[in-house]
Amino acid sequence: MLAAFPEGTWLVALGVVILTAMTFVQRAKMKRRAGVDLVDKSGDGGKREARESMEALFVQLQEFSREMLAKLDMKVRVLNELLTRAEARIEELKRLSAPGTLAAPSPSKPANPLHEKVFRLADGGRASADIAVETGLERGEVELILGLRGKGA
């Protein structure tokens, strides 16, 4: 029977059943307190008034139950949507972290022509001080560029 309800809705239905049962139990308690027939000494007027009061209470309880069901239903929908999004993100992360999906880094090629000149001069055996004079860079800059080349950046 629970399989006939959408996911999470059976909890809502169970809540309605519990609220209805609590109403009937409350009604029985009120009957015992006020006497078996809810009749006061004035006659039929008290019985009718008590019945109207109970009917009004029952209507309020039904309205409250509907409101709570609507709120719970909305929360179930939101949670299902969030769960769907989370599952999609998990699948994408799995796909991205699978071996072979990440592209291998391309060999470092200087984007700056000045860096290319520094590399060429260094490959020709020139010292960093000579390269600095020829390129117009500071010696520290030349050493930094050459150091970054060694790290693959």
Protein backbone atom coordinates (compact mmCIF):
# COMPACT_ATOMS: atom_id res chain seq x y z
CA MET A 1 0.00 0.00 0.00
CA LEU A 2 2.87 2.41 0.77
CA ALA A 3 4.24 1.92 -2.74
CA ALA A 4 1.11 3.56 -4.19
CA PHE A 5 2.07 6.93 -2.66
CA PRO A 6 4.83 9.15 -4.11
CA GLU A 7 8.01 9.26 -2.09
CA GLY A 8 7.50 11.04 1.25
CA THR A 9 3.74 11.40 0.83
CA TRP A 10 2.97 8.41 3.03
CA LEU A 11 4.35 10.40 5.99
CA VAL A 12 1.86 13.15 5.26
CA ALA A 13 -1.00 10.65 5.04
CA LEU A 14 0.10 9.11 8.32
CA GLY A 15 0.05 12.57 9.91
CA VAL A 16 -3.52 13.16 8.74
CA VAL A 17 -4.61 9.81 10.16
CA ILE A 18 -2.97 10.62 13.49
CA LEU A 19 -4.61 14.06 13.62
CA THR A 20 -8.01 12.56 12.87
CA ALA A 21 -7.55 9.91 15.55
CA MET A 22 -6.53 12.57 18.03
CA THR A 23 -9.73 14.48 17.23
CA PHE A 24 -11.89 11.47 17.97
CA VAL A 25 -10.01 10.76 21.20
CA GLN A 26 -10.43 14.38 22.26
CA ARG A 27 -14.13 14.18 21.47
CA ALA A 28 -14.51 11.08 23.63
CA LYS A 29 -12.70 12.78 26.53
CA MET A 30 -14.97 15.80 26.28
CA LYS A 31 -18.06 13.54 26.36
CA ARG A 32 -16.85 11.83 29.51
CA ARG A 33 -16.15 15.16 31.24
CA ALA A 34 -19.46 16.80 30.36
CA GLY A 35 -21.63 13.71 30.83
CA VAL A 36 -22.50 10.89 28.50
CA ASP A 37 -24.66 12.91 26.07
CA LEU A 38 -23.08 16.38 26.48
CA VAL A 39 -26.45 17.53 27.83
CA ASP A 40 -26.57 20.27 30.39
CA LYS A 41 -29.43 20.91 32.76
CA SER A 42 -31.05 23.42 30.43
CA GLY A 43 -32.03 20.73 27.92
CA ASP A 44 -31.49 20.39 24.19
CA GLY A 45 -29.81 23.82 23.74
CA GLY A 46 -26.62 22.71 25.45
CA LYS A 47 -26.39 19.58 23.34
CA ARG A 48 -26.78 21.57 20.14
CA GLU A 49 -24.23 24.16 21.29
CA ALA A 50 -21.72 21.47 22.18
CA ARG A 51 -22.26 19.75 18.84
CA GLU A 52 -21.76 23.03 16.95
CA SER A 53 -18.63 23.71 18.95
CA MET A 54 -17.27 20.25 18.11
CA GLU A 55 -18.14 20.65 14.43
CA ALA A 56 -16.36 24.01 14.33
CA LEU A 57 -13.35 22.41 16.02
CA PHE A 58 -13.40 19.59 13.51
CA VAL A 59 -13.54 22.06 10.59
CA GLN A 60 -10.60 23.98 12.03
CA LEU A 61 -8.70 20.73 12.42
CA GLN A 62 -9.40 19.79 8.80
CA GLU A 63 -8.22 23.21 7.58
CA PHE A 64 -5.08 22.94 9.70
CA SER A 65 -4.44 19.45 8.31
CA ARG A 66 -4.81 20.71 4.73
CA GLU A 67 -2.38 23.56 5.39
CA MET A 68 0.16 21.23 6.95
CA LEU A 69 -0.22 18.77 4.06
CA ALA A 70 0.36 21.55 1.56
CA LYS A 71 3.47 22.73 3.42
CA LEU A 72 4.83 19.20 3.73
CA ASP A 73 4.13 18.51 0.07
CA MET A 74 6.01 21.66 -0.93
CA LYS A 75 8.96 20.72 1.26
CA VAL A 76 9.04 17.22 -0.24
CA ARG A 77 9.10 18.75 -3.75
CA VAL A 78 11.92 21.12 -2.80
CA LEU A 79 13.92 18.30 -1.21
CA ASN A 80 13.43 16.10 -4.27
CA GLU A 81 14.63 18.93 -6.52
CA LEU A 82 17.70 19.49 -4.34
CA LEU A 83 18.41 15.77 -4.33
CA THR A 84 18.19 15.66 -8.12
CA ARG A 85 20.61 18.59 -8.42
CA ALA A 86 23.03 17.01 -5.94
CA GLU A 87 22.97 13.70 -7.82
CA ALA A 88 23.65 15.48 -11.10
CA ARG A 89 26.62 17.30 -9.56
CA ILE A 90 27.97 14.08 -8.09
CA GLU A 91 27.77 12.41 -11.50
CA GLU A 92 29.56 15.34 -13.13
CA LEU A 93 32.29 15.25 -10.48
CA LYS A 94 32.71 11.50 -11.01
CA ARG A 95 32.91 12.05 -14.75
CA LEU A 96 35.49 14.83 -14.36
CA SER A 97 37.60 12.90 -11.86
CA ALA A 98 37.71 9.72 -13.94
CA PRO A 99 41.19 8.88 -15.24
CA GLY A 100 41.89 10.16 -18.73
CA THR A 101 39.25 12.89 -18.70
CA LEU A 102 41.61 15.68 -17.76
CA ALA A 103 43.66 17.00 -20.66
CA ALA A 104 47.40 16.60 -20.33
CA PRO A 105 49.16 19.92 -19.86
CA SER A 106 50.64 21.22 -23.07
CA PRO A 107 54.38 21.81 -23.16
CA SER A 108 55.13 25.20 -21.74
CA LYS A 109 55.57 27.73 -24.45
CA PRO A 110 56.20 31.27 -23.36
CA ALA A 111 53.35 33.60 -24.10
CA ASN A 112 55.66 36.59 -23.86
CA PRO A 113 58.25 37.11 -26.64
CA LEU A 114 60.64 38.61 -24.11
CA HIS A 115 60.51 35.39 -22.08
CA GLU A 116 61.21 33.46 -25.25
CA LYS A 117 64.32 35.59 -25.85
CA VAL A 118 65.46 35.01 -22.24
CA PHE A 119 65.06 31.24 -22.69
CA ARG A 120 66.92 31.26 -26.02
CA LEU A 121 69.85 33.22 -24.55
CA ALA A 122 69.98 30.97 -21.49
CA ASP A 123 69.95 27.90 -23.73
CA GLY A 124 72.88 29.47 -25.63
CA GLY A 125 74.91 29.45 -22.42
CA ARG A 126 74.62 33.11 -21.48
CA ALA A 127 74.73 34.12 -17.78
CA SER A 128 71.72 35.82 -16.19
CA ALA A 129 73.64 39.11 -15.83
CA ASP A 130 74.43 39.15 -19.57
CA ILE A 131 70.81 38.29 -20.42
CA ALA A 132 69.60 41.14 -18.19
CA VAL A 133 71.85 43.64 -19.98
CA GLU A 134 70.78 42.44 -23.43
CA THR A 135 67.03 42.32 -22.70
CA GLY A 136 66.81 45.39 -20.48
CA LEU A 137 65.36 43.39 -17.59
CA GLU A 138 66.61 43.31 -14.04
CA ARG A 139 68.81 40.36 -13.15
CA GLY A 140 66.21 39.16 -10.59
CA GLU A 141 63.50 39.18 -13.26
CA VAL A 142 65.69 37.09 -15.57
CA GLU A 143 66.36 34.59 -12.79
CA LEU A 144 62.66 34.47 -11.94
CA ILE A 145 61.71 33.80 -15.57
CA LEU A 146 64.32 31.06 -15.82
CA GLY A 147 63.17 29.61 -12.50
CA LEU A 148 59.56 29.48 -13.66
CA ARG A 149 60.63 27.71 -16.84
CA GLY A 150 62.22 24.98 -14.77
CA LYS A 151 58.94 24.42 -12.88
CA GLY A 152 56.91 24.11 -16.10
CA ALA A 153 55.06 27.39 -15.74
